[in-house]
């Protein structure tokens, strides 16, 4: 299949190509996996490992992520730190590839790569861009959606200091239309408050789009760092209590 330009295939594809029984096909595929010629990140889906990636155990995740989710019949997009890096930001290096989905999916190991999945209920509606890869394309959250995800999942973003360090790299890529599209995914009000506060601190533009969105919602005072102390300096514009120092790199 690789000679035909295909990097991924399903069990059904293999059966049709070989015109063989299920047991015989599984036996051949298992042997190929033992010989590090294939790997299977999810049941019934296989990725060919070209010779140059045999030592790594798998080709880059960009080669197979979209076909894998087509096989699963599930929406996805590359998000958070991985998306920030795709947009040219320089975040603290994540130890895994971060993918946003609308359901629970267990982490997957692809050779030396670890892919983790973060659940956002309306992942299918999130605005994305298609980034070209050697084998097709992958869906990557827009800069605006990436920022909303970073403040929604700070544990996966290496903390608030890292988030604040990433924002200046993403802000020049944003637009008013981009913000409106991202806000349609209906983030929590407190997430928009926190992001507005951080963007205001760095003197970013378009914060009025976030403020306008908040005017249509009930806005209660919130803390910058959930679960932290309830003492600190209060930002009256965004109704955010800055309850921990945010140190950027």
Protein backbone atom coordinates (compact mmCIF):
# COMPACT_ATOMS: atom_id res chain seq x y z
CA UNK A 1 0.00 0.00 0.00
CA UNK A 2 2.86 2.38 0.78
CA UNK A 3 4.09 1.92 -2.80
CA UNK A 4 0.64 3.08 -3.93
CA UNK A 5 0.94 6.27 -1.90
CA UNK A 6 -1.12 5.09 1.07
CA UNK A 7 0.31 5.47 4.58
CA UNK A 8 -2.76 4.24 6.47
CA UNK A 9 -5.34 1.56 5.89
CA UNK A 10 -8.07 -0.32 7.73
CA UNK A 11 -8.52 -4.00 8.40
CA UNK A 12 -11.27 -4.08 5.79
CA UNK A 13 -8.93 -2.46 3.27
CA UNK A 14 -6.34 -5.18 3.90
CA UNK A 15 -8.90 -7.95 3.53
CA UNK A 16 -10.15 -6.59 0.23
CA UNK A 17 -6.61 -6.15 -1.11
CA UNK A 18 -5.55 -9.67 -0.15
CA UNK A 19 -8.93 -11.27 -0.86
CA UNK A 20 -8.27 -13.39 2.22
CA UNK A 21 -10.03 -14.51 5.36
CA UNK A 22 -10.15 -12.43 8.51
CA UNK A 23 -7.91 -14.88 10.40
CA UNK A 24 -5.32 -14.95 7.62
CA UNK A 25 -5.29 -11.16 7.30
CA UNK A 26 -4.91 -10.64 11.05
CA UNK A 27 -2.02 -13.10 11.09
CA UNK A 28 -0.18 -11.20 8.37
CA UNK A 29 -0.82 -7.85 10.07
CA UNK A 30 0.34 -9.15 13.45
CA UNK A 31 3.57 -10.39 11.91
CA UNK A 32 4.13 -7.02 10.25
CA UNK A 33 3.61 -5.29 13.59
CA UNK A 34 6.12 -7.57 15.29
CA UNK A 35 8.62 -6.70 12.56
CA UNK A 36 7.97 -2.96 13.17
CA UNK A 37 6.60 -2.53 9.65
CA UNK A 38 3.20 -1.40 10.95
CA UNK A 39 1.65 -0.03 14.07
CA UNK A 40 -1.99 0.20 15.07
CA UNK A 41 -3.00 3.23 17.16
CA UNK A 42 -6.62 2.06 17.34
CA UNK A 43 -8.50 -1.13 16.60
CA UNK A 44 -8.88 -1.96 12.93
CA UNK A 45 -6.63 0.91 11.77
CA UNK A 46 -3.00 0.55 10.68
CA UNK A 47 -0.14 2.90 9.85
CA UNK A 48 2.75 1.87 7.64
CA UNK A 49 6.16 2.67 9.14
CA UNK A 50 8.55 3.75 6.36
CA UNK A 51 12.21 2.67 6.72
CA UNK A 52 13.33 6.13 7.84
CA UNK A 53 10.98 5.95 10.85
CA UNK A 54 11.58 2.34 11.94
CA UNK A 55 13.86 3.44 14.77
CA UNK A 56 11.15 5.82 16.04
CA UNK A 57 8.48 3.12 15.81
CA UNK A 58 6.03 5.32 13.87
CA UNK A 59 5.93 8.15 11.36
CA UNK A 60 5.03 11.66 12.64
CA UNK A 61 1.54 12.04 14.04
CA UNK A 62 0.65 14.51 11.27
CA UNK A 63 0.76 11.62 8.81
CA UNK A 64 -2.04 9.60 10.34
CA UNK A 65 -4.15 11.71 12.72
CA UNK A 66 -6.88 12.75 10.25
CA UNK A 67 -7.30 9.27 8.69
CA UNK A 68 -7.48 7.77 12.18
CA UNK A 69 -10.37 10.04 13.16
CA UNK A 70 -12.13 9.40 9.89
CA UNK A 71 -11.90 5.72 10.78
CA UNK A 72 -13.29 6.45 14.25
CA UNK A 73 -16.04 8.66 12.83
CA UNK A 74 -15.28 11.33 15.41
CA UNK A 75 -14.53 15.07 15.20
CA UNK A 76 -11.15 16.29 16.39
CA UNK A 77 -8.70 19.13 16.20
CA UNK A 78 -5.11 19.66 17.29
CA UNK A 79 -5.20 22.10 20.18
CA UNK A 80 -3.53 23.82 23.12
CA UNK A 81 0.28 23.75 23.16
CA UNK A 82 0.49 21.63 20.01
CA UNK A 83 -1.71 24.08 18.13
CA UNK A 84 0.24 27.04 19.49
CA UNK A 85 3.44 25.52 18.14
CA UNK A 86 1.77 24.95 14.75
CA UNK A 87 0.95 28.69 14.69
CA UNK A 88 4.58 29.57 15.32
CA UNK A 89 4.39 30.28 19.05
CA UNK A 90 7.19 29.03 21.25
CA UNK A 91 5.53 27.46 24.26
CA UNK A 92 7.21 25.38 26.87
CA UNK A 93 7.71 22.11 25.05
CA UNK A 94 4.85 19.72 25.67
CA UNK A 95 5.73 16.09 26.25
CA UNK A 96 2.74 14.96 24.24
CA UNK A 97 0.62 15.81 21.23
CA UNK A 98 -2.60 17.43 22.42
CA UNK A 99 -5.80 16.71 20.53
CA UNK A 100 -9.28 17.99 21.42
CA UNK A 101 -12.25 15.65 20.94
CA UNK A 102 -15.91 15.54 21.98
CA UNK A 103 -15.70 12.25 23.87
CA UNK A 104 -13.46 10.29 26.17
CA UNK A 105 -10.51 8.80 24.28
CA UNK A 106 -7.63 7.04 25.97
CA UNK A 107 -4.09 8.30 25.39
CA UNK A 108 -2.29 6.58 22.55
CA UNK A 109 1.39 5.79 22.09
CA UNK A 110 2.76 5.95 18.56
CA UNK A 111 6.39 4.94 18.73
CA UNK A 112 8.11 7.67 20.72
CA UNK A 113 5.08 9.95 20.50
CA UNK A 114 2.35 10.14 23.11
CA UNK A 115 -1.00 11.54 22.02
CA UNK A 116 -3.43 12.72 24.68
CA UNK A 117 -7.06 13.67 24.13
CA UNK A 118 -8.80 16.56 25.87
CA UNK A 119 -12.57 16.59 25.92
CA UNK A 120 -14.55 19.64 24.82
CA UNK A 121 -18.22 18.94 24.25
CA UNK A 122 -18.56 21.14 21.15
CA UNK A 123 -15.29 20.17 19.50
CA UNK A 124 -17.09 19.58 16.21
CA UNK A 125 -18.14 23.26 16.08
CA UNK A 126 -14.74 24.74 16.95
CA UNK A 127 -13.17 26.90 14.22
CA UNK A 128 -10.10 25.27 12.70
CA UNK A 129 -7.65 25.66 9.87
CA UNK A 130 -6.41 22.84 7.66
CA UNK A 131 -2.62 22.52 7.84
CA UNK A 132 -1.03 20.66 4.94
CA UNK A 133 1.06 17.58 5.78
CA UNK A 134 3.10 15.19 3.61
CA UNK A 135 0.10 12.84 3.49
CA UNK A 136 -2.85 15.24 3.46
CA UNK A 137 -3.80 17.69 6.20
CA UNK A 138 -4.64 18.02 9.89
CA UNK A 139 -7.24 20.17 11.63
CA UNK A 140 -5.67 22.76 13.93
CA UNK A 141 -7.58 25.17 16.14
CA UNK A 142 -7.49 28.81 15.06
CA UNK A 143 -5.32 31.16 17.15
CA UNK A 144 -8.43 32.47 18.92
CA UNK A 145 -9.73 28.99 19.72
CA UNK A 146 -6.27 27.97 20.85
CA UNK A 147 -6.22 30.80 23.39
CA UNK A 148 -9.66 29.90 24.74
CA UNK A 149 -8.54 26.28 25.14
CA UNK A 150 -5.34 27.29 26.92
CA UNK A 151 -7.24 29.17 29.63
CA UNK A 152 -9.86 26.41 29.81
CA UNK A 153 -7.28 23.70 30.45
CA UNK A 154 -4.33 25.37 32.22
CA UNK A 155 -3.07 22.05 33.60
CA UNK A 156 -2.45 20.86 30.05
CA UNK A 157 -0.89 24.23 29.14
CA UNK A 158 1.96 24.03 31.68
CA UNK A 159 0.44 26.70 33.91
CA UNK A 160 -0.57 30.34 33.76
CA UNK A 161 2.93 31.70 33.31
CA UNK A 162 3.38 29.60 30.19
CA UNK A 163 -0.02 30.68 28.87
CA UNK A 164 0.89 34.34 29.37
CA UNK A 165 4.16 33.73 27.51
CA UNK A 166 2.36 32.20 24.51
CA UNK A 167 -0.36 34.84 24.08
CA UNK A 168 1.86 37.59 22.57
CA UNK A 169 2.86 35.19 19.78
CA UNK A 170 -0.76 34.36 18.95
CA UNK A 171 -2.35 37.79 19.23
CA UNK A 172 -0.99 39.16 15.90
CA UNK A 173 -2.70 36.24 14.14
CA UNK A 174 -6.17 37.05 15.47
CA UNK A 175 -9.09 38.92 13.91
CA UNK A 176 -12.48 40.11 15.06
CA UNK A 177 -14.15 37.50 12.87
CA UNK A 178 -11.88 34.85 14.34
CA UNK A 179 -12.90 35.82 17.86
CA UNK A 180 -16.59 35.73 17.01
CA UNK A 181 -16.23 32.26 15.48
CA UNK A 182 -14.37 30.95 18.52
CA UNK A 183 -16.83 32.44 20.99
CA UNK A 184 -19.70 30.61 19.27
CA UNK A 185 -18.37 27.41 20.83
CA UNK A 186 -19.87 28.76 24.07
CA UNK A 187 -16.94 28.77 26.47
CA UNK A 188 -17.54 29.26 30.17
CA UNK A 189 -17.96 32.90 31.16
CA UNK A 190 -15.09 32.62 33.64
CA UNK A 191 -12.74 31.43 30.87
CA UNK A 192 -13.48 34.52 28.79
CA UNK A 193 -12.94 36.72 31.87
CA UNK A 194 -9.53 35.16 32.54
CA UNK A 195 -8.46 35.41 28.92
CA UNK A 196 -9.65 39.02 28.72
CA UNK A 197 -7.64 39.88 31.82
CA UNK A 198 -4.47 38.29 30.47
CA UNK A 199 -4.83 39.90 27.05
CA UNK A 200 -5.46 43.29 28.65
CA UNK A 201 -2.29 42.87 30.71
CA UNK A 202 -0.19 42.45 27.59
CA UNK A 203 -1.91 45.29 25.76
CA UNK A 204 -3.51 43.08 23.13
CA UNK A 205 -6.12 44.32 20.69
CA UNK A 206 -9.64 43.01 20.14
CA UNK A 207 -10.35 42.65 23.86
CA UNK A 208 -13.49 44.69 23.24
CA UNK A 209 -14.87 41.67 21.34
CA UNK A 210 -14.53 39.60 24.51
CA UNK A 211 -16.03 42.40 26.60
CA UNK A 212 -19.02 42.65 24.25
CA UNK A 213 -19.56 38.90 24.48
CA UNK A 214 -19.50 39.10 28.28
CA UNK A 215 -22.15 41.85 28.28
CA UNK A 216 -24.63 39.27 27.06
CA UNK A 217 -23.97 36.96 29.99
CA UNK A 218 -24.18 37.00 33.76
CA UNK A 219 -20.67 37.84 34.90
CA UNK A 220 -19.72 37.01 38.47
CA UNK A 221 -16.37 37.73 40.09
CA UNK A 222 -13.92 34.88 39.56
CA UNK A 223 -10.34 34.04 40.45
CA UNK A 224 -7.54 33.87 37.92
CA UNK A 225 -6.27 30.53 39.21
CA UNK A 226 -9.12 28.16 40.10
CA UNK A 227 -8.58 26.41 43.40
CA UNK A 228 -6.08 29.01 44.60
CA UNK A 229 -6.30 31.58 47.38
CA UNK A 230 -9.07 34.14 47.31
CA UNK A 231 -6.74 37.05 48.04
CA UNK A 232 -5.00 39.33 45.59
CA UNK A 233 -5.58 42.35 43.35
CA UNK A 234 -9.04 42.64 41.81
CA UNK A 235 -9.36 43.60 38.14
CA UNK A 236 -12.72 45.42 37.98
CA UNK A 237 -12.93 45.47 34.18
CA UNK A 238 -12.93 41.67 33.88
CA UNK A 239 -14.04 40.95 37.45
CA UNK A 240 -11.01 38.73 37.98
CA UNK A 241 -9.22 38.36 41.30
CA UNK A 242 -5.54 37.91 40.49
CA UNK A 243 -4.85 35.41 43.23
CA UNK A 244 -1.39 34.27 42.09
CA UNK A 245 1.57 35.91 40.36
CA UNK A 246 1.80 35.20 36.64
CA UNK A 247 5.45 35.05 35.68
CA UNK A 248 6.28 34.87 32.00
CA UNK A 249 9.47 33.36 30.61
